[in-house]
């Protein structure tokens, strides 16, 4: 056979093999449909949007064989009951902030943000290279779940207050909506913490059953309308140097998934994590400008409030390390890394950022 004829035959054979092989591979994977419940309302286009992106990517990666139907907070279960629903098998998976469940175990706060803990880059590093993911899944195993970080807000704001805060005394008796574990710290300095899901915050603030409330930052806060009923906008949100959420999955359902589908979940979770962080970083800037032009008054927390809260946090961490082995295990892993990481960031990131902040008005 001549070389040219051989190549034609070989090429035709390869094309035929491709036609046969592709459907065979696709047919070997099962049609799988899951339900995913989120702690977020649809109005929060970045948190809920990150979940939509996740489900879309899983479908694309698996040639639409693995479909995940997303439900907003309240459509299947309330926003603060996602872990319970996944644990019980009511749904296969959910998107939630693990610190919502600190009442079950205070160690859950490490999954979202330890107050006075890590920023977004640091928590990403600690989880992937410092054992943080393994420790969180050790905790989740007791709740019949496995989890993967899936959303991150970056550093958050300190919330909206009806009255200006002059000093630590102004926190006494303050009814403050605050997520997760931070309420335990704030109660030590006189605050009366309240934990409410996003849709319930504005009505409570408007009616006066709350004196103050925090959520995430300018982009979400503008959508939720807090500036209309409480004009003082404080920073920083020291309880969330980053605000992270997880995709949590029922362990039995996870173990039953084909490995390629497990990989699709892991890959899509990582993509949604960086997508949400980047989107907040971009959209918070114009949102803050609009809030200030609408009458919001930007304030930094007084120094005595920051220092009192920092001390209260340290006292609580010491107490929990004595009584809760898992909390101690996570704390002992995170704190040395936090110290070394901030030393490095002070040199590199801090040096660069501080210079650029001083120069921002010159160009």
Protein backbone atom coordinates (compact mmCIF):
# COMPACT_ATOMS: atom_id res chain seq x y z
CA UNK A 1 0.00 0.00 0.00
CA UNK A 2 1.28 3.44 -0.92
CA UNK A 3 2.05 5.85 1.90
CA UNK A 4 -0.67 8.32 0.83
CA UNK A 5 -3.30 5.58 0.70
CA UNK A 6 -2.16 4.25 4.09
CA UNK A 7 -2.56 7.67 5.67
CA UNK A 8 -6.07 7.99 4.26
CA UNK A 9 -7.05 4.62 5.68
CA UNK A 10 -5.40 5.33 9.02
CA UNK A 11 -7.05 8.74 9.23
CA UNK A 12 -10.45 7.32 8.46
CA UNK A 13 -9.94 4.64 11.08
CA UNK A 14 -8.97 7.17 13.71
CA UNK A 15 -11.99 9.32 12.91
CA UNK A 16 -14.26 6.31 13.12
CA UNK A 17 -12.72 5.38 16.47
CA UNK A 18 -13.36 8.88 17.77
CA UNK A 19 -16.98 8.72 16.68
CA UNK A 20 -17.43 5.40 18.43
CA UNK A 21 -15.35 6.20 21.50
CA UNK A 22 -16.92 9.52 22.48
CA UNK A 23 -20.46 8.20 22.91
CA UNK A 24 -19.13 5.10 24.63
CA UNK A 25 -17.31 7.20 27.20
CA UNK A 26 -20.32 9.46 27.71
CA UNK A 27 -22.65 6.50 28.04
CA UNK A 28 -20.43 4.97 30.70
CA UNK A 29 -21.20 7.82 33.10
CA UNK A 30 -24.57 7.77 34.88
CA UNK A 31 -27.24 10.44 34.65
CA UNK A 32 -27.19 11.99 38.13
CA UNK A 33 -29.47 14.67 39.55
CA UNK A 34 -28.91 16.30 42.93
CA UNK A 35 -30.59 19.04 44.92
CA UNK A 36 -28.54 21.78 46.57
CA UNK A 37 -29.99 24.13 49.17
CA UNK A 38 -28.27 27.42 49.97
CA UNK A 39 -28.22 29.77 52.94
CA UNK A 40 -28.54 32.70 50.52
CA UNK A 41 -31.55 34.45 48.96
CA UNK A 42 -31.54 34.98 45.22
CA UNK A 43 -31.24 38.74 45.74
CA UNK A 44 -27.61 38.28 46.86
CA UNK A 45 -26.31 37.93 43.34
CA UNK A 46 -22.71 37.24 44.31
CA UNK A 47 -23.18 34.58 47.00
CA UNK A 48 -26.15 32.97 45.27
CA UNK A 49 -24.50 33.68 41.92
CA UNK A 50 -21.45 31.72 43.04
CA UNK A 51 -23.72 28.75 43.67
CA UNK A 52 -25.26 29.13 40.22
CA UNK A 53 -21.80 29.22 38.67
CA UNK A 54 -20.84 26.09 40.60
CA UNK A 55 -23.85 24.11 39.38
CA UNK A 56 -23.31 25.30 35.80
CA UNK A 57 -19.65 24.28 35.81
CA UNK A 58 -20.40 20.81 37.19
CA UNK A 59 -22.88 20.27 34.35
CA UNK A 60 -20.42 21.52 31.72
CA UNK A 61 -17.53 19.41 33.02
CA UNK A 62 -19.65 16.25 32.98
CA UNK A 63 -21.27 16.86 29.59
CA UNK A 64 -24.56 17.57 31.40
CA UNK A 65 -24.64 14.11 32.92
CA UNK A 66 -24.43 15.49 36.46
CA UNK A 67 -27.13 18.07 37.11
CA UNK A 68 -27.40 19.98 40.40
CA UNK A 69 -30.66 21.88 41.00
CA UNK A 70 -30.17 24.90 43.23
CA UNK A 71 -32.66 26.16 45.82
CA UNK A 72 -32.45 29.48 47.66
CA UNK A 73 -32.84 29.95 51.39
CA UNK A 74 -36.37 29.07 52.49
CA UNK A 75 -37.33 27.11 49.39
CA UNK A 76 -36.56 23.74 51.01
CA UNK A 77 -35.23 24.67 54.45
CA UNK A 78 -34.45 27.98 56.18
CA UNK A 79 -31.03 29.48 55.53
CA UNK A 80 -29.63 28.47 58.91
CA UNK A 81 -30.65 24.80 58.60
CA UNK A 82 -28.58 23.76 55.60
CA UNK A 83 -26.19 21.56 57.58
CA UNK A 84 -29.10 19.74 59.20
CA UNK A 85 -30.74 19.09 55.82
CA UNK A 86 -27.55 17.71 54.28
CA UNK A 87 -26.73 15.63 57.36
CA UNK A 88 -30.19 14.06 57.31
CA UNK A 89 -30.09 13.38 53.57
CA UNK A 90 -33.04 15.70 52.85
CA UNK A 91 -30.82 17.12 50.10
CA UNK A 92 -27.56 15.81 48.71
CA UNK A 93 -25.61 19.02 49.29
CA UNK A 94 -25.77 22.62 50.42
CA UNK A 95 -23.97 25.95 50.39
CA UNK A 96 -23.58 27.53 53.81
CA UNK A 97 -21.30 29.39 56.19
CA UNK A 98 -20.17 26.82 58.72
CA UNK A 99 -19.98 29.32 61.57
CA UNK A 100 -23.78 29.38 61.57
CA UNK A 101 -23.51 26.07 63.42
CA UNK A 102 -21.11 27.14 66.16
CA UNK A 103 -23.83 26.20 68.65
CA UNK A 104 -23.29 22.57 67.69
CA UNK A 105 -19.52 22.93 67.99
CA UNK A 106 -17.56 26.22 68.21
CA UNK A 107 -14.91 24.65 65.98
CA UNK A 108 -17.18 25.33 63.01
CA UNK A 109 -16.12 28.97 63.16
CA UNK A 110 -12.76 28.03 61.60
CA UNK A 111 -14.58 27.08 58.41
CA UNK A 112 -15.87 30.60 57.85
CA UNK A 113 -13.69 33.03 59.81
CA UNK A 114 -12.08 32.97 63.24
CA UNK A 115 -12.52 36.48 64.67
CA UNK A 116 -9.16 38.28 64.52
CA UNK A 117 -8.01 35.36 62.36
CA UNK A 118 -7.00 35.19 58.71
CA UNK A 119 -7.71 37.13 55.55
CA UNK A 120 -8.81 35.46 52.31
CA UNK A 121 -5.34 34.68 51.00
CA UNK A 122 -4.20 33.38 54.35
CA UNK A 123 -7.17 31.07 54.88
CA UNK A 124 -6.71 29.69 51.39
CA UNK A 125 -3.07 28.94 52.15
CA UNK A 126 -3.77 27.45 55.58
CA UNK A 127 -6.51 25.21 54.26
CA UNK A 128 -4.57 23.88 51.29
CA UNK A 129 -1.09 23.64 52.77
CA UNK A 130 -1.50 23.91 56.55
CA UNK A 131 -4.00 21.12 57.08
CA UNK A 132 -7.08 23.30 57.49
CA UNK A 133 -9.23 21.38 55.01
CA UNK A 134 -8.38 18.06 56.62
CA UNK A 135 -9.22 19.37 60.09
CA UNK A 136 -12.58 20.76 58.95
CA UNK A 137 -13.51 17.49 57.29
CA UNK A 138 -12.52 15.65 60.44
CA UNK A 139 -15.15 17.77 62.20
CA UNK A 140 -17.74 17.41 59.43
CA UNK A 141 -17.36 13.64 59.43
CA UNK A 142 -19.22 13.56 62.73
CA UNK A 143 -22.15 15.24 60.96
CA UNK A 144 -22.25 12.78 58.07
CA UNK A 145 -20.80 15.39 55.70
CA UNK A 146 -17.74 16.30 53.67
CA UNK A 147 -17.02 19.89 52.67
CA UNK A 148 -15.09 22.03 50.21
CA UNK A 149 -14.52 25.81 50.45
CA UNK A 150 -16.66 27.36 47.73
CA UNK A 151 -17.24 31.10 48.31
CA UNK A 152 -15.22 33.91 49.88
CA UNK A 153 -16.19 37.54 50.45
CA UNK A 154 -12.82 38.93 51.45
CA UNK A 155 -12.59 41.21 54.48
CA UNK A 156 -16.02 42.38 55.62
CA UNK A 157 -17.41 45.58 57.08
CA UNK A 158 -18.40 46.10 60.71
CA UNK A 159 -22.06 46.80 60.07
CA UNK A 160 -24.74 49.48 60.27
CA UNK A 161 -25.64 51.31 63.49
CA UNK A 162 -28.51 53.61 64.33
CA UNK A 163 -26.31 55.67 66.63
CA UNK A 164 -22.66 56.65 66.48
CA UNK A 165 -20.26 54.72 68.71
CA UNK A 166 -18.06 56.99 70.80
CA UNK A 167 -16.46 54.34 73.01
CA UNK A 168 -16.83 50.87 74.51
CA UNK A 169 -19.68 52.00 76.75
CA UNK A 170 -21.93 52.50 73.73
CA UNK A 171 -21.99 48.75 73.15
CA UNK A 172 -23.78 48.06 76.42
CA UNK A 173 -27.16 46.46 75.66
CA UNK A 174 -26.77 46.99 71.91
CA UNK A 175 -28.98 44.51 70.02
CA UNK A 176 -26.75 43.54 67.11
CA UNK A 177 -27.32 41.06 64.31
CA UNK A 178 -23.99 39.33 63.83
CA UNK A 179 -23.21 36.01 62.18
CA UNK A 180 -21.78 33.01 63.93
CA UNK A 181 -19.21 32.88 66.67
CA UNK A 182 -18.53 36.63 66.88
CA UNK A 183 -21.65 37.05 68.99
CA UNK A 184 -20.04 35.09 71.79
CA UNK A 185 -17.15 37.55 71.84
CA UNK A 186 -19.34 40.63 71.59
CA UNK A 187 -21.52 39.45 74.47
CA UNK A 188 -18.41 39.68 76.68
CA UNK A 189 -18.28 43.44 76.05
CA UNK A 190 -21.97 44.08 76.61
CA UNK A 191 -23.58 43.45 73.20
CA UNK A 192 -26.79 41.40 72.90
CA UNK A 193 -26.06 39.33 69.75
CA UNK A 194 -28.80 38.17 67.40
CA UNK A 195 -28.37 35.66 64.57
CA UNK A 196 -30.76 36.17 61.66
CA UNK A 197 -30.66 35.02 58.04
CA UNK A 198 -30.29 37.72 55.37
CA UNK A 199 -33.99 38.17 54.50
CA UNK A 200 -34.93 38.79 58.14
CA UNK A 201 -32.38 41.48 58.95
CA UNK A 202 -33.88 44.59 57.33
CA UNK A 203 -37.37 44.22 58.88
CA UNK A 204 -35.87 43.76 62.35
CA UNK A 205 -33.61 46.78 61.90
CA UNK A 206 -36.48 48.87 60.56
CA UNK A 207 -38.81 47.94 63.44
CA UNK A 208 -36.16 48.68 66.05
CA UNK A 209 -35.88 45.14 67.36
CA UNK A 210 -32.25 45.51 66.25
CA UNK A 211 -30.00 48.48 67.00
CA UNK A 212 -27.38 47.43 64.48
CA UNK A 213 -26.69 44.75 61.89
CA UNK A 214 -23.87 43.47 59.75
CA UNK A 215 -23.90 41.33 56.65
CA UNK A 216 -20.95 41.37 54.25
CA UNK A 217 -19.90 44.62 52.62
CA UNK A 218 -21.01 47.48 50.38
CA UNK A 219 -22.30 45.50 47.39
CA UNK A 220 -24.63 43.26 49.41
CA UNK A 221 -25.42 45.88 52.04
CA UNK A 222 -26.65 48.29 49.39
CA UNK A 223 -28.99 45.62 48.00
CA UNK A 224 -30.30 44.83 51.48
CA UNK A 225 -30.97 48.52 52.10
CA UNK A 226 -29.53 48.84 55.61
CA UNK A 227 -28.37 52.43 54.99
CA UNK A 228 -32.01 53.52 54.84
CA UNK A 229 -32.61 52.73 58.52
CA UNK A 230 -29.13 52.93 60.11
CA UNK A 231 -26.69 55.43 58.65
CA UNK A 232 -23.44 54.81 60.55
CA UNK A 233 -21.27 52.32 58.65
CA UNK A 234 -18.40 50.90 60.69
CA UNK A 235 -15.20 49.08 59.78
CA UNK A 236 -13.34 46.75 59.97
CA UNK A 237 -15.41 43.60 60.43
CA UNK A 238 -12.79 42.09 62.71
CA UNK A 239 -14.89 38.96 63.12
CA UNK A 240 -14.45 38.20 59.42
CA UNK A 241 -11.08 39.04 57.94
CA UNK A 242 -12.65 36.92 55.24
CA UNK A 243 -16.10 35.38 55.06
CA UNK A 244 -15.92 31.89 53.66
CA UNK A 245 -18.63 29.38 52.82
CA UNK A 246 -18.52 25.68 52.03
CA UNK A 247 -20.20 23.27 49.72
CA UNK A 248 -21.15 20.50 52.13
CA UNK A 249 -22.19 17.08 50.86
CA UNK A 250 -23.86 14.11 52.49
CA UNK A 251 -21.11 11.52 52.99
CA UNK A 252 -23.09 8.57 51.63
CA UNK A 253 -24.02 10.53 48.52
CA UNK A 254 -20.41 11.64 48.06
CA UNK A 255 -19.07 8.12 48.35
CA UNK A 256 -21.58 6.90 45.76
CA UNK A 257 -20.44 9.44 43.14
CA UNK A 258 -18.12 8.36 40.32
CA UNK A 259 -14.64 9.78 40.77
CA UNK A 260 -14.95 12.11 37.76
CA UNK A 261 -18.06 13.64 39.33
CA UNK A 262 -16.25 14.10 42.63
CA UNK A 263 -13.47 15.87 40.73
CA UNK A 264 -16.04 18.08 39.02
CA UNK A 265 -17.37 19.19 42.42
CA UNK A 266 -13.88 19.93 43.74
CA UNK A 267 -12.90 21.87 40.60
CA UNK A 268 -16.13 23.86 40.40
CA UNK A 269 -16.00 24.69 44.12
CA UNK A 270 -12.52 26.15 43.72
CA UNK A 271 -13.62 28.22 40.73
CA UNK A 272 -16.66 29.62 42.52
CA UNK A 273 -14.43 30.54 45.51
CA UNK A 274 -12.20 32.77 43.42
CA UNK A 275 -15.10 34.09 41.29
CA UNK A 276 -17.01 35.34 44.34
CA UNK A 277 -13.92 36.94 45.88
CA UNK A 278 -12.99 38.71 42.64
CA UNK A 279 -16.55 39.91 42.08
CA UNK A 280 -16.80 41.40 45.58
CA UNK A 281 -13.41 43.06 45.19
CA UNK A 282 -14.60 44.70 41.99
CA UNK A 283 -18.18 45.62 42.94
CA UNK A 284 -17.62 46.82 46.52
CA UNK A 285 -15.75 49.87 45.25
CA UNK A 286 -18.58 51.59 43.33
CA UNK A 287 -21.15 50.36 45.86
CA UNK A 288 -19.35 52.13 48.72
CA UNK A 289 -19.25 55.35 46.70
CA UNK A 290 -22.99 55.15 46.10
CA UNK A 291 -23.71 54.44 49.76
CA UNK A 292 -21.71 57.46 50.88
CA UNK A 293 -23.45 59.68 48.34
CA UNK A 294 -26.80 58.40 49.71
CA UNK A 295 -26.00 59.60 53.21
CA UNK A 296 -24.11 56.74 54.81
CA UNK A 297 -21.51 57.91 57.34
CA UNK A 298 -18.29 55.89 57.34
CA UNK A 299 -16.60 55.35 60.70
CA UNK A 300 -13.74 53.29 62.09
CA UNK A 301 -14.40 51.40 65.32
CA UNK A 302 -12.93 53.28 68.30
CA UNK A 303 -9.64 51.84 69.47
CA UNK A 304 -10.96 50.84 72.90
CA UNK A 305 -13.68 48.73 71.25
CA UNK A 306 -11.16 46.96 69.03
CA UNK A 307 -8.80 46.22 71.92
CA UNK A 308 -11.57 45.06 74.27
CA UNK A 309 -12.93 42.69 71.62
CA UNK A 310 -9.45 41.36 70.84
CA UNK A 311 -8.87 40.59 74.52
CA UNK A 312 -12.32 38.98 74.88
CA UNK A 313 -11.62 36.80 71.84
CA UNK A 314 -8.30 35.64 73.28
CA UNK A 315 -9.92 34.77 76.61
CA UNK A 316 -12.63 32.72 74.91
CA UNK A 317 -10.11 30.88 72.72
CA UNK A 318 -8.10 29.94 75.79
CA UNK A 319 -11.23 28.63 77.54
CA UNK A 320 -12.37 26.62 74.53
CA UNK A 321 -8.91 25.15 74.07
CA UNK A 322 -9.26 23.73 77.57
CA UNK A 323 -12.70 22.22 77.03
CA UNK A 324 -12.91 21.35 73.33
CA UNK A 325 -10.14 19.15 71.84
CA UNK A 326 -11.13 19.84 68.24
CA UNK A 327 -11.15 23.60 68.78
CA UNK A 328 -7.69 23.37 70.37
CA UNK A 329 -6.44 21.26 67.47
CA UNK A 330 -7.56 23.84 64.92
CA UNK A 331 -6.45 26.82 66.99
CA UNK A 332 -3.00 25.36 67.57
CA UNK A 333 -2.69 24.83 63.83
CA UNK A 334 -3.91 28.28 62.78
CA UNK A 335 -2.28 30.64 65.29
CA UNK A 336 1.41 29.96 64.54
CA UNK A 337 0.69 30.30 60.84
CA UNK A 338 -1.25 33.53 61.45
CA UNK A 339 1.69 35.08 63.29
CA UNK A 340 4.27 34.14 60.65
CA UNK A 341 2.00 35.06 57.77
CA UNK A 342 1.26 38.55 59.06
CA UNK A 343 4.98 39.11 59.59
CA UNK A 344 5.56 38.28 55.95
CA UNK A 345 2.57 40.28 54.71
CA UNK A 346 3.71 43.31 56.69
CA UNK A 347 6.91 43.27 54.64
CA UNK A 348 5.66 42.40 51.17
CA UNK A 349 1.92 43.02 50.83
CA UNK A 350 1.75 45.68 53.53
CA UNK A 351 4.77 47.57 52.22
CA UNK A 352 3.41 47.64 48.71
CA UNK A 353 -0.21 48.33 49.67
CA UNK A 354 0.64 51.16 52.07
CA UNK A 355 2.77 52.90 49.46
CA UNK A 356 0.10 52.58 46.78
CA UNK A 357 -2.56 53.89 49.17
CA UNK A 358 -0.46 57.00 49.76
CA UNK A 359 0.00 57.45 46.02
CA UNK A 360 -3.64 56.93 45.00
CA UNK A 361 -4.39 60.64 44.79
CA UNK A 362 -1.38 61.43 42.60
CA UNK A 363 -2.38 59.72 39.39
